[in-house]
């Protein structure tokens, strides 16, 4: 089934970035504290990443390199405002380990690490309207990053609902963040790397979020230049 929420692309973003795809997923979920089983699975994944990569390898991985290229095209230095999946991998490879938040947030981090893509996870009941627009952050635009306070999103790719910014590949917004009360989930996956298989990403989402978030009634749409493909 297709998603109820739709993605559109602001003209300024389409002018700066060509061939952009966004996988949008909706699901009914049950959130909880992170289980020991989930923590163990994340620890195993972190160990595999730490063994496989050095810090210098991370920004060369195709999905991360593609995200960094989009940052540059939009006017942001990706070395100052790193994409979230790059932040996670660097943390792992530097031996700092993974932090745990709750089952849904951790599931989103697992999906991001497995795909190399920036994944935004939002409480659908906090998103205003049935359309989210992918644009470029403006000078002075207010944005409260989760756990980061006021974030300068000028030049960052940013999703906006009818009220304002809800997510960027660097940090999602406090206003629409997941809580233990979240029961409707909205997920964005930036497929900036054209070689990433959207169906494989959806398969991974279904596996991870069904296991840890009891995901059901899953809907998905793939958007590119305002066209629904999946």
Protein backbone atom coordinates (compact mmCIF):
# COMPACT_ATOMS: atom_id res chain seq x y z
CA UNK A 1 0.00 0.00 0.00
CA UNK A 2 1.13 3.53 -0.71
CA UNK A 3 1.76 6.01 2.07
CA UNK A 4 -0.85 8.56 3.07
CA UNK A 5 1.86 11.20 3.43
CA UNK A 6 3.51 12.40 0.22
CA UNK A 7 6.94 13.85 -0.51
CA UNK A 8 7.50 16.90 -2.70
CA UNK A 9 10.78 18.58 -3.59
CA UNK A 10 11.29 22.32 -3.33
CA UNK A 11 12.42 23.89 -6.64
CA UNK A 12 15.68 25.13 -5.06
CA UNK A 13 16.53 21.59 -3.96
CA UNK A 14 15.73 20.07 -7.36
CA UNK A 15 17.91 22.73 -8.98
CA UNK A 16 20.85 21.84 -6.72
CA UNK A 17 20.46 18.05 -6.57
CA UNK A 18 19.55 15.85 -9.52
CA UNK A 19 18.11 12.36 -9.39
CA UNK A 20 17.06 12.47 -5.74
CA UNK A 21 14.99 9.57 -4.38
CA UNK A 22 13.22 9.29 -1.04
CA UNK A 23 11.77 6.11 0.42
CA UNK A 24 8.85 6.96 2.70
CA UNK A 25 7.46 4.35 5.11
CA UNK A 26 4.48 4.45 7.47
CA UNK A 27 3.63 1.83 10.09
CA UNK A 28 1.64 1.18 13.22
CA UNK A 29 4.13 0.35 15.98
CA UNK A 30 4.56 -0.32 19.69
CA UNK A 31 7.59 1.39 21.24
CA UNK A 32 9.37 0.23 24.37
CA UNK A 33 12.66 0.41 26.20
CA UNK A 34 15.42 -1.31 24.26
CA UNK A 35 15.53 -5.01 25.05
CA UNK A 36 18.70 -6.91 25.89
CA UNK A 37 18.18 -8.88 22.68
CA UNK A 38 18.19 -5.70 20.62
CA UNK A 39 21.20 -4.29 22.47
CA UNK A 40 23.12 -7.50 21.79
CA UNK A 41 22.24 -7.38 18.09
CA UNK A 42 23.44 -3.78 17.89
CA UNK A 43 26.66 -4.66 19.71
CA UNK A 44 27.32 -7.44 17.19
CA UNK A 45 26.71 -5.09 14.28
CA UNK A 46 29.01 -2.48 15.83
CA UNK A 47 31.75 -5.10 16.28
CA UNK A 48 31.47 -6.10 12.61
CA UNK A 49 31.74 -2.48 11.49
CA UNK A 50 34.71 -1.77 13.77
CA UNK A 51 36.54 -4.81 12.41
CA UNK A 52 35.79 -4.00 8.77
CA UNK A 53 36.44 -0.26 8.54
CA UNK A 54 38.95 2.40 9.54
CA UNK A 55 37.86 5.98 10.16
CA UNK A 56 39.29 7.06 6.81
CA UNK A 57 37.13 4.52 4.97
CA UNK A 58 33.78 5.79 6.20
CA UNK A 59 33.26 8.90 4.09
CA UNK A 60 34.19 6.90 0.99
CA UNK A 61 31.33 4.42 1.35
CA UNK A 62 29.02 5.11 -1.63
CA UNK A 63 25.81 6.04 0.28
CA UNK A 64 27.76 8.29 2.66
CA UNK A 65 29.86 9.83 -0.13
CA UNK A 66 26.64 10.55 -2.03
CA UNK A 67 25.08 12.22 1.05
CA UNK A 68 28.18 14.36 1.54
CA UNK A 69 28.00 15.41 -2.12
CA UNK A 70 24.41 16.56 -1.58
CA UNK A 71 25.53 18.62 1.43
CA UNK A 72 28.13 20.35 -0.72
CA UNK A 73 25.59 20.96 -3.49
CA UNK A 74 23.22 22.55 -0.97
CA UNK A 75 25.98 24.70 0.52
CA UNK A 76 27.02 22.86 3.70
CA UNK A 77 30.45 21.56 4.73
CA UNK A 78 29.93 17.84 5.51
CA UNK A 79 33.03 17.83 7.72
CA UNK A 80 31.39 20.34 10.10
CA UNK A 81 27.86 18.94 9.95
CA UNK A 82 28.27 15.24 9.32
CA UNK A 83 25.37 13.07 8.15
CA UNK A 84 23.95 10.96 10.99
CA UNK A 85 24.99 7.60 9.53
CA UNK A 86 28.56 8.87 9.20
CA UNK A 87 28.45 10.11 12.81
CA UNK A 88 27.32 6.67 13.99
CA UNK A 89 29.97 4.78 12.05
CA UNK A 90 32.76 7.09 13.16
CA UNK A 91 31.65 6.65 16.76
CA UNK A 92 31.82 2.87 16.40
CA UNK A 93 35.18 2.77 14.62
CA UNK A 94 36.70 5.15 17.18
CA UNK A 95 35.73 2.68 19.92
CA UNK A 96 33.05 4.83 21.57
CA UNK A 97 30.31 2.24 21.13
CA UNK A 98 26.63 2.80 20.37
CA UNK A 99 24.24 4.60 22.69
CA UNK A 100 20.75 3.22 23.31
CA UNK A 101 17.58 5.37 23.36
CA UNK A 102 14.52 3.19 22.89
CA UNK A 103 13.45 0.33 20.64
CA UNK A 104 12.30 2.43 17.67
CA UNK A 105 15.19 4.90 17.72
CA UNK A 106 17.70 2.06 17.98
CA UNK A 107 15.93 0.21 15.14
CA UNK A 108 16.30 3.32 12.98
CA UNK A 109 20.01 3.46 13.79
CA UNK A 110 20.39 -0.20 12.84
CA UNK A 111 18.67 0.41 9.50
CA UNK A 112 20.95 3.38 8.86
CA UNK A 113 24.09 1.40 9.67
CA UNK A 114 23.06 -1.55 7.49
CA UNK A 115 22.18 0.60 4.47
CA UNK A 116 24.60 3.50 4.84
CA UNK A 117 21.67 5.87 4.28
CA UNK A 118 20.36 8.72 6.42
CA UNK A 119 17.17 7.53 8.11
CA UNK A 120 14.67 9.90 9.72
CA UNK A 121 12.19 8.46 12.22
CA UNK A 122 9.23 10.62 13.24
CA UNK A 123 6.14 10.31 15.40
CA UNK A 124 3.51 10.53 12.67
CA UNK A 125 1.01 12.07 15.07
CA UNK A 126 3.35 15.05 15.53
CA UNK A 127 3.81 15.68 11.80
CA UNK A 128 1.43 18.39 10.57
CA UNK A 129 -0.26 17.88 7.19
CA UNK A 130 -0.14 15.12 4.60
CA UNK A 131 2.84 16.45 2.64
CA UNK A 132 6.49 16.85 3.60
CA UNK A 133 8.78 18.94 1.41
CA UNK A 134 12.49 18.33 0.96
CA UNK A 135 14.29 21.63 0.65
CA UNK A 136 17.40 23.49 1.77
CA UNK A 137 17.73 25.11 5.19
CA UNK A 138 17.60 28.91 5.24
CA UNK A 139 19.68 31.43 7.13
CA UNK A 140 18.24 31.91 10.63
CA UNK A 141 15.60 29.21 10.19
CA UNK A 142 14.65 27.91 13.67
CA UNK A 143 15.44 24.24 14.21
CA UNK A 144 15.84 22.31 17.47
CA UNK A 145 18.03 19.27 16.88
CA UNK A 146 17.41 16.25 19.09
CA UNK A 147 19.88 16.50 21.96
CA UNK A 148 21.75 19.29 20.15
CA UNK A 149 19.76 22.42 20.94
CA UNK A 150 19.42 25.11 18.29
CA UNK A 151 20.98 23.81 15.06
CA UNK A 152 22.16 25.93 12.16
CA UNK A 153 20.46 24.18 9.24
CA UNK A 154 21.36 26.77 6.62
CA UNK A 155 22.55 24.80 3.59
CA UNK A 156 21.40 21.44 4.96
CA UNK A 157 18.84 19.24 3.21
CA UNK A 158 15.74 19.50 5.40
CA UNK A 159 12.26 18.00 5.43
CA UNK A 160 9.48 20.42 6.39
CA UNK A 161 5.88 19.75 7.29
CA UNK A 162 3.16 22.43 7.38
CA UNK A 163 4.76 24.01 10.47
CA UNK A 164 8.48 23.84 9.71
CA UNK A 165 11.55 21.61 9.73
CA UNK A 166 11.15 18.08 11.06
CA UNK A 167 14.30 16.31 9.91
CA UNK A 168 17.68 16.61 8.25
CA UNK A 169 20.34 13.97 7.59
CA UNK A 170 22.39 15.53 10.41
CA UNK A 171 19.70 15.56 13.11
CA UNK A 172 15.95 15.21 13.41
CA UNK A 173 13.85 17.84 15.21
CA UNK A 174 12.75 17.69 18.84
CA UNK A 175 9.19 18.58 17.82
CA UNK A 176 8.53 15.32 15.96
CA UNK A 177 10.86 12.93 17.79
CA UNK A 178 9.86 9.44 18.88
CA UNK A 179 8.78 8.73 22.46
CA UNK A 180 7.68 5.63 24.31
CA UNK A 181 4.10 6.71 23.52
CA UNK A 182 4.66 6.68 19.76
CA UNK A 183 2.21 4.37 18.03
CA UNK A 184 2.32 5.69 14.44
CA UNK A 185 5.68 5.87 12.71
CA UNK A 186 6.81 7.89 9.70
CA UNK A 187 10.25 7.07 8.27
CA UNK A 188 12.25 8.82 5.55
CA UNK A 189 15.24 7.15 3.91
CA UNK A 190 17.44 9.37 1.73
CA UNK A 191 18.51 7.30 -1.29
CA UNK A 192 21.08 9.77 -2.58
CA UNK A 193 23.23 6.90 -3.86
CA UNK A 194 21.48 5.68 -7.05
CA UNK A 195 22.81 2.13 -6.56
CA UNK A 196 20.93 1.59 -3.28
CA UNK A 197 18.06 -0.87 -3.78
CA UNK A 198 14.88 0.64 -2.30
CA UNK A 199 13.22 -2.78 -2.10
CA UNK A 200 16.11 -4.14 -0.05
CA UNK A 201 15.89 -1.15 2.28
CA UNK A 202 12.16 -1.79 2.70
CA UNK A 203 12.83 -5.47 3.38
CA UNK A 204 15.35 -4.56 6.08
CA UNK A 205 12.93 -2.04 7.60
CA UNK A 206 10.18 -4.66 7.74
CA UNK A 207 12.46 -7.21 9.38
CA UNK A 208 13.97 -4.84 11.98
CA UNK A 209 10.86 -2.87 12.92
CA UNK A 210 8.61 -5.93 13.03
CA UNK A 211 11.04 -7.62 15.40
CA UNK A 212 11.64 -4.69 17.73
CA UNK A 213 8.62 -2.43 17.22
CA UNK A 214 5.81 -4.86 16.32
CA UNK A 215 5.38 -2.95 13.04
CA UNK A 216 2.17 -3.67 11.13
CA UNK A 217 0.06 -2.07 8.41
CA UNK A 218 3.28 -1.04 6.69
CA UNK A 219 2.88 1.36 3.76
CA UNK A 220 5.67 2.54 1.48
CA UNK A 221 6.20 4.91 -1.43
CA UNK A 222 9.32 5.79 -3.39
CA UNK A 223 9.46 9.39 -4.59
CA UNK A 224 11.65 10.89 -7.27
CA UNK A 225 10.98 14.23 -8.96
CA UNK A 226 7.47 14.13 -7.43
CA UNK A 227 6.71 10.73 -8.93
CA UNK A 228 5.58 7.75 -6.85
CA UNK A 229 7.30 4.55 -7.99
CA UNK A 230 6.91 1.90 -5.28
